[in-house]
Protein backbone atom coordinates (compact mmCIF):
# COMPACT_ATOMS: atom_id res chain seq x y z
CA MET A 1 -0.01 0.15 0.07
CA THR A 2 2.90 2.45 0.94
CA ASP A 3 4.24 1.96 -2.98
CA ASP A 4 0.74 2.87 -4.08
CA LEU A 5 0.35 5.99 -2.21
CA LEU A 6 3.92 7.00 -3.77
CA SER A 7 3.30 6.09 -7.34
CA GLY A 8 1.37 9.02 -8.11
CA PRO A 9 1.71 12.72 -8.03
CA ARG A 10 -1.66 13.15 -5.53
CA GLY A 11 -0.71 10.50 -2.95
CA ARG A 12 2.81 12.06 -2.84
CA GLN A 13 1.22 15.54 -2.46
CA PHE A 14 -0.98 14.13 0.21
CA CYS A 15 1.90 12.64 2.30
CA LEU A 16 3.56 16.36 2.00
CA GLY A 17 0.65 18.06 2.97
CA VAL A 18 -0.39 16.13 5.91
CA LEU A 19 3.06 16.82 7.32
CA ALA A 20 2.88 20.61 6.41
CA ALA A 21 -0.15 20.86 8.67
CA THR A 22 1.60 19.78 11.44
CA GLN A 23 5.07 20.39 10.94
CA PRO A 24 5.46 23.90 9.02
CA GLU A 25 9.06 23.92 8.84
CA ILE A 26 8.79 20.91 6.39
CA TRP A 27 6.88 22.83 4.38
CA THR A 28 9.51 25.55 4.20
CA VAL A 29 12.37 23.39 3.14
CA ALA A 30 9.84 21.79 1.01
CA ALA A 31 9.17 25.05 -0.68
CA ARG A 32 12.59 26.10 -0.76
CA SER A 33 13.75 23.05 -2.59
CA ALA A 34 11.15 23.07 -4.80
CA SER A 35 12.04 26.68 -6.29
CA SER A 36 15.66 25.51 -6.38
CA PRO A 37 15.57 22.29 -7.82
CA GLN A 38 19.48 22.32 -8.81
CA ASP A 39 20.20 22.85 -5.22
CA HIS A 40 20.87 19.71 -3.66
CA GLY A 41 21.72 20.22 -0.67
CA LEU A 42 18.17 21.51 -0.03
CA ALA A 43 17.04 18.00 -1.43
CA SER A 44 19.10 16.35 1.21
CA GLU A 45 17.83 18.56 3.87
CA LEU A 46 14.39 17.83 2.90
CA ALA A 47 14.68 14.07 2.55
CA GLU A 48 16.47 14.04 6.14
CA ALA A 49 13.40 15.86 7.59
CA LEU A 50 11.02 13.59 6.17
CA GLY A 51 12.84 10.53 7.36
CA SER A 52 13.18 12.31 11.07
CA PRO A 53 11.27 10.16 13.85
CA ALA A 54 9.26 13.37 14.50
CA ALA A 55 8.03 13.29 11.04
CA VAL A 56 6.95 9.77 11.20
CA SER A 57 5.23 10.46 14.49
CA ALA A 58 3.58 13.02 13.16
CA ALA A 59 2.05 10.79 10.54
CA GLU A 60 1.11 8.15 12.76
CA SER A 61 -0.99 10.31 15.01
CA ALA A 62 -2.42 12.17 12.01
CA GLY A 63 -6.16 13.22 12.80
CA GLY A 64 -9.06 14.37 10.44
CA GLN A 65 -7.79 17.66 10.52
CA ALA A 66 -4.58 17.20 9.29
CA LEU A 67 -5.53 14.41 6.95
CA MET A 68 -8.36 16.74 5.08
CA ALA A 69 -5.41 19.22 4.99
CA GLY A 70 -3.43 17.01 3.16
CA LEU A 71 -6.34 15.99 0.79
CA THR A 72 -7.51 19.54 -0.04
CA GLY A 73 -3.56 20.53 -0.79
CA ALA A 74 -3.48 17.43 -3.09
CA VAL A 75 -6.31 18.37 -4.79
CA ASP A 76 -5.84 22.12 -5.32
CA ALA A 77 -2.30 21.38 -6.73
CA ALA A 78 -3.73 18.95 -9.00
CA ARG A 79 -2.99 20.06 -13.37
CA TYR A 80 -3.89 18.38 -16.24
CA TRP A 81 -3.23 20.88 -18.91
CA GLN A 82 0.31 21.86 -17.96
CA GLN A 83 3.50 20.35 -16.58
CA PRO A 84 3.66 19.04 -13.06
CA ASP A 85 4.47 22.03 -10.99
CA GLU A 86 7.64 22.35 -8.94
CA THR A 87 6.58 20.57 -6.13
CA ASP A 88 5.40 17.84 -8.02
CA ALA A 89 8.87 17.39 -9.57
CA LEU A 90 10.47 17.71 -5.99
CA LEU A 91 8.39 14.83 -4.53
CA ALA A 92 9.06 12.57 -7.81
CA GLN A 93 12.63 12.65 -6.85
CA PRO A 94 13.90 8.86 -6.02
CA ALA A 95 15.49 9.96 -3.00
CA ILE A 96 12.69 11.87 -1.44
CA ARG A 97 9.95 9.21 -2.54
CA LEU A 98 12.44 6.61 -0.57
CA ALA A 99 12.28 9.13 2.55
CA LEU A 100 8.56 9.58 2.19
CA GLY A 101 8.05 5.94 2.60
CA PRO A 102 7.64 5.51 6.40
CA ILE A 103 5.12 8.25 6.24
CA ALA A 104 2.98 7.17 3.50
CA HIS A 105 2.74 3.63 5.58
CA ALA A 106 1.71 5.77 8.52
CA LEU A 107 -0.99 7.79 6.84
CA ALA A 108 -2.26 4.80 4.86
CA ASP A 109 -3.38 3.37 8.12
CA ALA A 110 -4.45 6.70 9.34
CA LEU A 111 -6.67 7.48 6.26
CA ALA A 112 -8.47 3.88 6.58
CA ALA A 113 -9.15 4.70 10.14
CA TRP A 114 -10.55 8.05 9.68
CA TRP A 115 -12.38 7.27 6.35
CA GLY A 116 -13.87 3.93 7.15
CA PRO A 117 -14.65 1.47 4.63
CA GLY A 118 -13.78 3.02 1.09
CA PHE A 119 -16.95 2.06 -1.04
CA LEU A 120 -19.91 4.44 -2.02
CA ASP A 121 -22.04 5.16 1.29
CA GLY A 122 -25.09 5.10 -0.07
CA ASP A 123 -26.88 6.60 2.96
CA HIS A 124 -25.46 9.73 2.88
CA GLN A 125 -24.84 11.16 -0.83
CA SER A 126 -25.35 14.45 -1.58
CA PHE A 127 -25.08 17.11 -4.84
CA VAL A 128 -23.22 20.34 -4.35
CA GLN A 129 -24.77 23.19 -6.23
CA TRP A 130 -22.76 26.14 -5.77
CA THR A 131 -24.70 29.38 -5.60
CA ASP A 132 -22.34 32.31 -6.05
CA GLU A 133 -23.81 33.92 -8.71
CA ARG A 134 -27.70 32.92 -8.37
CA LYS A 135 -29.86 30.73 -6.44
CA GLY A 136 -30.31 26.90 -8.12
CA GLN A 137 -32.83 25.01 -8.57
CA PRO A 138 -33.67 21.68 -7.15
CA PRO A 139 -31.54 19.07 -8.87
CA VAL A 140 -33.70 17.24 -11.45
CA PRO A 141 -32.85 13.36 -10.90
CA GLY A 142 -33.73 12.35 -14.54
CA GLY A 143 -32.67 12.74 -18.25
CA ALA A 144 -29.04 10.57 -17.88
CA ALA A 145 -29.79 8.97 -21.01
CA ARG A 146 -30.21 11.80 -23.05
CA THR A 147 -27.05 13.63 -21.32
CA LEU A 148 -25.13 10.94 -22.22
CA ALA A 149 -26.14 10.95 -25.60
CA ASP A 150 -25.30 14.81 -25.99
CA TRP A 151 -21.82 13.86 -24.04
CA ILE A 152 -20.85 11.43 -26.48
CA ALA A 153 -21.62 13.21 -29.55
CA ALA A 154 -19.60 16.10 -28.46
CA ALA A 155 -16.46 13.79 -27.63
CA LEU A 156 -16.88 12.30 -31.07
CA ALA A 157 -17.14 15.72 -32.71
CA ASP A 158 -14.18 17.00 -30.38
CA GLU A 159 -11.80 14.11 -31.46
CA ARG A 160 -12.64 14.62 -35.11
CA GLN A 161 -11.95 18.44 -34.68
CA ALA A 162 -8.81 17.49 -33.07
CA ALA A 163 -7.23 16.24 -36.19
CA GLU A 164 -6.62 19.92 -37.59
CA ARG A 165 -5.02 20.82 -34.57
CA PRO A 166 -0.90 20.64 -34.81
CA LYS A 167 0.41 16.93 -34.56
CA ASN A 168 3.57 18.36 -32.32
CA PRO A 169 2.23 17.44 -28.90
CA ALA A 170 4.60 20.08 -27.47
CA ALA A 171 2.91 22.79 -29.60
CA ASN A 172 0.95 25.35 -27.80
CA TRP A 173 -2.56 23.99 -27.77
CA GLY A 174 -5.51 23.01 -24.88
CA GLY A 175 -8.50 21.26 -25.38
CA TRP A 176 -11.05 19.18 -23.59
CA TRP A 177 -8.45 17.66 -20.70
CA TRP A 178 -11.10 15.82 -18.45
CA SER A 179 -11.54 12.41 -18.67
CA THR A 180 -14.91 12.06 -16.79
CA PRO A 181 -18.31 13.08 -18.25
CA ARG A 182 -17.65 16.32 -17.78
CA PRO A 183 -18.86 19.02 -18.70
CA SER A 184 -22.26 17.50 -18.74
CA GLU A 185 -25.14 17.53 -16.72
CA LEU A 186 -25.21 14.49 -15.05
CA LEU A 187 -25.91 14.29 -11.19
CA THR A 188 -22.84 13.87 -9.13
CA THR A 189 -22.72 13.24 -5.49
CA THR A 190 -20.41 12.88 -2.49
CA ARG A 191 -20.07 11.84 0.69
CA SER A 192 -21.78 14.19 3.73
CA LEU A 193 -19.64 14.30 6.89
CA PRO A 194 -20.97 14.95 10.42
CA ASP A 195 -19.93 18.75 9.96
CA LEU A 196 -19.69 19.10 6.70
CA GLY A 197 -22.99 18.89 3.98
CA ALA A 198 -21.03 17.17 1.58
CA ILE A 199 -17.17 16.17 0.85
CA GLY A 200 -17.56 17.78 -2.76
CA LEU A 201 -17.46 21.54 -0.67
CA LEU A 202 -13.71 20.97 -0.14
CA LEU A 203 -12.15 18.42 -2.61
CA VAL A 204 -12.92 20.11 -6.11
CA GLU A 205 -10.33 19.93 -8.68
CA ASP A 206 -9.55 23.04 -10.74
CA SER A 207 -11.89 25.07 -8.51
CA ILE A 208 -12.49 28.57 -9.17
CA GLY A 209 -13.00 29.46 -5.59
CA TRP A 210 -16.83 29.31 -4.94
CA LYS A 211 -17.72 30.81 -1.53
CA GLN A 212 -21.77 29.51 -1.34
CA ALA A 213 -23.46 26.00 -2.21
CA THR A 214 -26.74 24.40 -1.26
CA VAL A 215 -26.55 20.57 -0.65
CA TRP A 216 -29.10 18.50 -1.54
CA PRO A 217 -29.23 15.12 -0.02
CA LEU A 218 -29.73 12.27 -2.80
CA VAL A 219 -30.76 8.66 -2.48
CA PRO A 220 -29.69 6.28 -4.61
CA ARG A 221 -31.65 3.20 -5.15
CA PRO A 222 -30.89 0.19 -3.09
CA ASP A 223 -30.07 -2.19 -6.22
CA ALA A 224 -28.29 0.56 -7.92
CA ARG A 225 -25.15 -0.94 -9.89
CA VAL A 226 -21.70 0.93 -8.86
CA TYR A 227 -18.75 0.57 -10.46
CA GLU A 228 -15.85 1.37 -7.72
CA ILE A 229 -12.51 2.75 -8.71
CA ASP A 230 -10.41 2.05 -5.81
CA GLY A 231 -7.20 2.20 -7.49
CA PRO A 232 -5.37 2.02 -11.11
CA ALA A 233 -6.50 -1.42 -12.11
CA ALA A 234 -9.77 -0.52 -11.53
CA TRP A 235 -9.55 2.43 -13.87
CA THR A 236 -7.27 1.01 -16.60
CA GLY A 237 -9.71 -1.90 -16.82
CA LEU A 238 -12.92 0.22 -17.23
CA ALA A 239 -10.89 2.12 -20.22
CA ALA A 240 -10.13 -1.24 -21.63
CA ARG A 241 -13.72 -2.73 -21.27
CA TYR A 242 -15.16 0.38 -22.93
CA PRO A 243 -12.71 2.22 -24.69
CA MET A 244 -12.87 5.44 -26.47
CA ASP A 245 -9.96 6.77 -28.57
CA VAL A 246 -9.66 10.22 -27.62
CA SER A 247 -5.69 10.15 -28.93
CA LEU A 248 -6.08 13.70 -30.75
CA ALA A 249 -8.14 15.74 -28.23
CA LYS A 250 -5.90 14.69 -25.43
CA ARG A 251 -2.58 14.71 -27.61
CA HIS A 252 -1.26 18.34 -26.27
CA ASP A 253 -2.91 18.49 -23.03
CA TRP A 254 -1.98 15.06 -21.70
CA TRP A 255 1.60 15.34 -23.17
CA ARG A 256 2.17 18.36 -21.04
CA THR A 257 0.89 16.80 -17.73
CA THR A 258 2.86 13.16 -18.19
CA GLY A 259 5.16 13.99 -20.87
CA ILE A 260 4.05 11.04 -22.79
CA ALA A 261 3.13 10.70 -26.62
CA GLY A 262 1.10 8.05 -27.91
CA ARG A 263 -2.72 6.93 -28.28
CA TRP A 264 -5.19 7.54 -25.46
CA LEU A 265 -8.36 6.09 -24.03
CA VAL A 266 -10.76 6.93 -21.89
CA PRO A 267 -14.11 5.18 -20.77
CA ASP A 268 -16.83 5.43 -23.21
CA TRP A 269 -19.59 6.50 -20.57
CA SER A 270 -22.74 5.62 -22.85
CA ALA A 271 -21.57 2.14 -23.00
CA VAL A 272 -20.58 2.08 -19.03
CA ALA A 273 -24.17 2.97 -18.36
CA GLY A 274 -25.23 -0.23 -20.07
CA ASP A 275 -23.70 -2.02 -17.16
CA TYR A 276 -23.32 0.37 -14.47
CA ASP A 277 -25.71 3.15 -12.64
CA GLY A 278 -23.19 4.88 -11.20
CA VAL A 279 -19.23 5.16 -11.37
CA HIS A 280 -17.48 5.85 -7.84
CA LEU A 281 -13.88 7.01 -7.38
CA THR A 282 -12.84 6.24 -3.57
CA LEU A 283 -10.29 8.73 -1.92
CA TRP A 284 -7.69 5.75 -1.95
CA GLY A 285 -8.79 5.46 -6.00
CA TYR A 286 -8.07 9.15 -6.27
CA LEU A 287 -4.59 9.17 -4.34
CA THR A 288 -3.21 6.10 -6.34
CA THR A 289 -4.68 6.63 -9.90
CA ALA A 290 -5.11 10.67 -10.64
CA GLY A 291 -2.78 12.24 -12.96
CA ARG A 292 -0.50 9.04 -14.02
CA ALA A 293 -0.18 7.78 -17.59
CA LEU A 294 -1.39 4.01 -17.01
CA ALA A 295 -1.16 1.30 -19.64
CA ALA A 296 -4.87 0.77 -20.89
CA ARG A 297 -3.94 -1.95 -23.21
CA PRO A 298 -0.75 -3.66 -23.58
CA SER A 299 0.14 -5.44 -26.74
CA ALA A 300 -0.64 -9.37 -27.25
CA GLY A 301 2.63 -11.54 -27.74
CA PRO A 302 5.88 -12.03 -26.54
CA SER A 303 6.85 -8.45 -26.59
CA VAL A 304 5.46 -5.77 -23.81
CA ALA A 305 4.48 -2.77 -25.56
CA VAL A 306 2.03 -0.10 -24.46
CA LEU A 307 -0.45 0.57 -27.17
CA GLU A 308 -2.77 2.73 -25.36
CA ARG A 309 -2.70 4.54 -22.29
CA THR A 310 -5.13 6.48 -20.11
CA VAL A 311 -5.25 9.38 -17.34
CA LEU A 312 -7.90 9.37 -14.67
CA ALA A 313 -8.38 13.68 -14.73
CA GLY A 314 -10.66 16.15 -13.31
CA TRP A 315 -12.47 13.94 -11.13
CA ASP A 316 -12.90 14.65 -7.67
CA PRO A 317 -12.25 12.51 -4.72
CA ASP A 318 -15.20 10.56 -3.34
CA GLU A 319 -17.06 11.98 -6.38
CA THR A 320 -19.84 9.48 -8.17
CA TYR A 321 -21.06 10.06 -11.29
CA TRP A 322 -24.67 8.75 -11.84
CA LEU A 323 -25.00 7.40 -15.39
CA ASN A 324 -28.79 6.38 -15.01
CA ASP A 325 -31.83 7.74 -13.25
CA VAL A 326 -31.44 5.97 -9.93
CA LEU A 327 -31.64 9.04 -7.65
CA THR A 328 -34.71 10.40 -5.42
CA PRO A 329 -34.62 13.35 -3.10
CA GLY A 330 -33.44 12.97 0.50
CA ALA A 331 -33.86 15.35 3.16
CA ALA A 332 -34.13 18.96 3.17
CA PRO A 333 -31.02 20.81 1.22
CA SER A 334 -28.57 22.74 3.60
CA ASP A 335 -27.02 26.29 2.68
CA TRP A 336 -23.35 26.53 3.16
CA ARG A 337 -20.77 29.49 2.80
CA SER A 338 -16.90 29.33 2.89
CA ASP A 339 -15.00 32.00 4.83
CA GLY A 340 -12.57 31.85 1.92
CA SER A 341 -9.99 29.74 4.08
CA GLY A 342 -11.24 26.49 3.17
CA ARG A 343 -13.72 26.43 6.32
CA TRP A 344 -17.31 26.03 5.36
CA SER A 345 -20.20 26.82 7.76
CA ARG A 346 -23.88 25.57 7.58
CA GLN A 347 -26.22 28.85 7.46
CA GLY A 348 -29.89 29.34 8.75
């Protein structure tokens, strides 16, 4: 499990973020080292700090507040349309990854104890509706088939049009970098916590800084078929089973974020809907999978070569995309407001 948590950029940022919440001096050294990548002395200082008994002890005793701080930092730093930032590059260095080993081992246990079972918590699901600009209407748990039809039509059109874009993956060109059914009108939910209407208030990739939201509890049908993305194998398996070629549309963005040029797949969500009503990305699945260039379909035969890869991008931790109409309204909605520093409070 330790290797899994350190295999991807989001997991490594999570480990550093948890320590930063309780050991600010470590964050100071990390920031200095990240801004001066040629200074090997700073990198050595960081590796020594990460391997110190104090750092390991902090990870072993990390509670919900520190774990949430680490998660928030990891999610905020996600960028799938540009090169890895300085901190991601720093944490990918072999010596730093090695020093993070005991930290990752302790945090894997702490995260499991704090969060509990990683699979979908069907009794506590809520839809977050951002209301900074206007009061929203109640979510309508219907029309998923039409929405998916519109999504695949747009995705296929985007792939066709991308044939006219520069062939050089390093060209200055951006596009539709998500691997999810986004942008779309599909309903998504995340788990509610005792003092937070929905985890989706805090853990949002590519957030634009919303400060007001209405949280709507929604209840999935007891017999809803949910696919769990709990790690890299579950994600690549989905892309391989329901392949959709997006090599042209993702060529530039995913080359920048992974450094790899080649063929790319995402799941055909309209096909996935034939077998599953929802797809849930667990917290662990996010930390171990997001942002990585993963082999989706290796070549057959004696030679080992990767024919196609896939990237999990633009999917928030614990978020479930509902591909079929299996939701009904739950309890009364609640309004929430952020103080701008990451703390949300219930209004009224």
